[in-house]
């Protein structure tokens, strides 16, 4: 029973963090809910303790990753994207995620 509660807790945490990360973006909210449910359904019958522990750890890592690294950028009136970083993003750096124009590549 303790494992069922742990699975439910991770499931709920994922749903909660996606609501925060994708607030106002209905397509992203819907798609993320479907993806989370599919992942949990695909592993519904896992009984191996090691595999279950690994899956729960992955779920917790996903919660942390989403809460710390996913930020919505919104198009403003000037045609630029703006994002508002929350306190949990303090100390983080923003990474450019917009696609580069054809023919321009960053030096690697």
Protein backbone atom coordinates (compact mmCIF):
# COMPACT_ATOMS: atom_id res chain seq x y z
CA UNK A 1 0.00 0.00 0.00
CA UNK A 2 2.90 2.37 0.71
CA UNK A 3 4.13 2.02 -2.87
CA UNK A 4 0.67 2.81 -4.26
CA UNK A 5 0.63 6.01 -2.22
CA UNK A 6 4.13 6.85 -3.45
CA UNK A 7 3.08 6.32 -7.08
CA UNK A 8 0.00 8.48 -6.57
CA UNK A 9 2.10 11.17 -4.93
CA UNK A 10 4.52 11.34 -7.89
CA UNK A 11 1.59 11.28 -10.35
CA UNK A 12 -0.12 14.19 -8.57
CA UNK A 13 3.15 16.12 -8.29
CA UNK A 14 3.66 15.81 -12.06
CA UNK A 15 0.13 17.02 -12.76
CA UNK A 16 0.57 19.93 -10.35
CA UNK A 17 3.94 21.05 -11.72
CA UNK A 18 2.70 20.93 -15.32
CA UNK A 19 -0.23 23.18 -14.37
CA UNK A 20 2.26 25.72 -13.01
CA UNK A 21 4.75 25.41 -15.88
CA UNK A 22 2.17 25.57 -18.67
CA UNK A 23 -0.39 27.93 -17.08
CA UNK A 24 -2.51 29.54 -19.78
CA UNK A 25 -1.24 27.25 -22.54
CA UNK A 26 -4.17 24.90 -23.09
CA UNK A 27 -2.52 22.76 -25.81
CA UNK A 28 0.56 22.19 -23.63
CA UNK A 29 -1.60 21.44 -20.58
CA UNK A 30 -3.64 18.89 -22.51
CA UNK A 31 -0.65 17.25 -24.18
CA UNK A 32 1.32 17.02 -20.94
CA UNK A 33 -1.63 15.46 -19.10
CA UNK A 34 -1.98 12.83 -21.84
CA UNK A 35 1.76 12.11 -21.79
CA UNK A 36 1.87 11.73 -18.01
CA UNK A 37 -1.13 9.39 -18.02
CA UNK A 38 0.34 7.30 -20.87
CA UNK A 39 3.64 6.87 -19.03
CA UNK A 40 1.92 5.76 -15.84
CA UNK A 41 -0.49 3.45 -17.70
CA UNK A 42 2.39 1.86 -19.63
CA UNK A 43 4.01 0.92 -16.32
CA UNK A 44 0.87 0.07 -14.37
CA UNK A 45 1.74 -3.62 -14.00
CA UNK A 46 5.38 -3.19 -12.95
CA UNK A 47 5.96 -5.26 -9.82
CA UNK A 48 9.75 -5.56 -9.81
CA UNK A 49 10.92 -3.50 -6.85
CA UNK A 50 14.11 -2.25 -8.55
CA UNK A 51 12.25 -1.18 -11.71
CA UNK A 52 9.54 0.50 -9.65
CA UNK A 53 12.13 2.42 -7.64
CA UNK A 54 13.81 3.57 -10.84
CA UNK A 55 10.50 4.71 -12.36
CA UNK A 56 9.59 6.65 -9.21
CA UNK A 57 13.01 8.29 -9.19
CA UNK A 58 12.52 9.29 -12.85
CA UNK A 59 9.13 10.78 -11.96
CA UNK A 60 10.63 12.82 -9.12
CA UNK A 61 13.44 13.99 -11.39
CA UNK A 62 10.84 15.06 -13.97
CA UNK A 63 9.00 17.11 -11.33
CA UNK A 64 12.25 18.83 -10.35
CA UNK A 65 13.28 19.39 -13.97
CA UNK A 66 9.96 20.91 -14.97
CA UNK A 67 9.75 23.16 -11.92
CA UNK A 68 13.31 24.46 -12.33
CA UNK A 69 13.84 24.48 -16.09
CA UNK A 70 10.55 25.04 -17.90
CA UNK A 71 9.55 28.67 -18.35
CA UNK A 72 6.88 29.99 -20.69
CA UNK A 73 7.88 32.80 -23.02
CA UNK A 74 5.10 34.98 -24.38
CA UNK A 75 5.08 37.13 -27.49
CA UNK A 76 4.77 40.80 -26.57
CA UNK A 77 3.40 43.76 -28.57
CA UNK A 78 6.86 44.55 -29.97
CA UNK A 79 7.20 41.09 -31.49
CA UNK A 80 9.70 39.87 -28.90
CA UNK A 81 9.35 36.99 -26.50
CA UNK A 82 9.36 37.76 -22.79
CA UNK A 83 9.56 35.41 -19.87
CA UNK A 84 9.08 36.02 -16.20
CA UNK A 85 11.31 33.97 -13.97
CA UNK A 86 9.88 32.84 -10.66
CA UNK A 87 11.84 32.63 -7.40
CA UNK A 88 12.58 28.93 -7.99
CA UNK A 89 14.52 29.94 -11.10
CA UNK A 90 16.90 32.18 -9.13
CA UNK A 91 20.48 31.63 -10.19
CA UNK A 92 19.45 29.89 -13.39
CA UNK A 93 20.47 31.16 -16.80
CA UNK A 94 18.09 31.40 -19.71
CA UNK A 95 18.96 29.38 -22.76
CA UNK A 96 17.93 30.42 -26.23
CA UNK A 97 15.46 27.88 -27.55
CA UNK A 98 14.22 29.63 -30.66
CA UNK A 99 15.37 27.95 -33.86
CA UNK A 100 18.31 29.54 -35.63
CA UNK A 101 17.66 30.91 -39.13
CA UNK A 102 18.77 28.63 -41.97
CA UNK A 103 22.46 28.90 -42.70
CA UNK A 104 23.37 30.32 -39.27
CA UNK A 105 24.76 27.90 -36.77
CA UNK A 106 26.42 28.49 -33.47
CA UNK A 107 30.07 27.59 -33.14
CA UNK A 108 30.50 24.27 -31.38
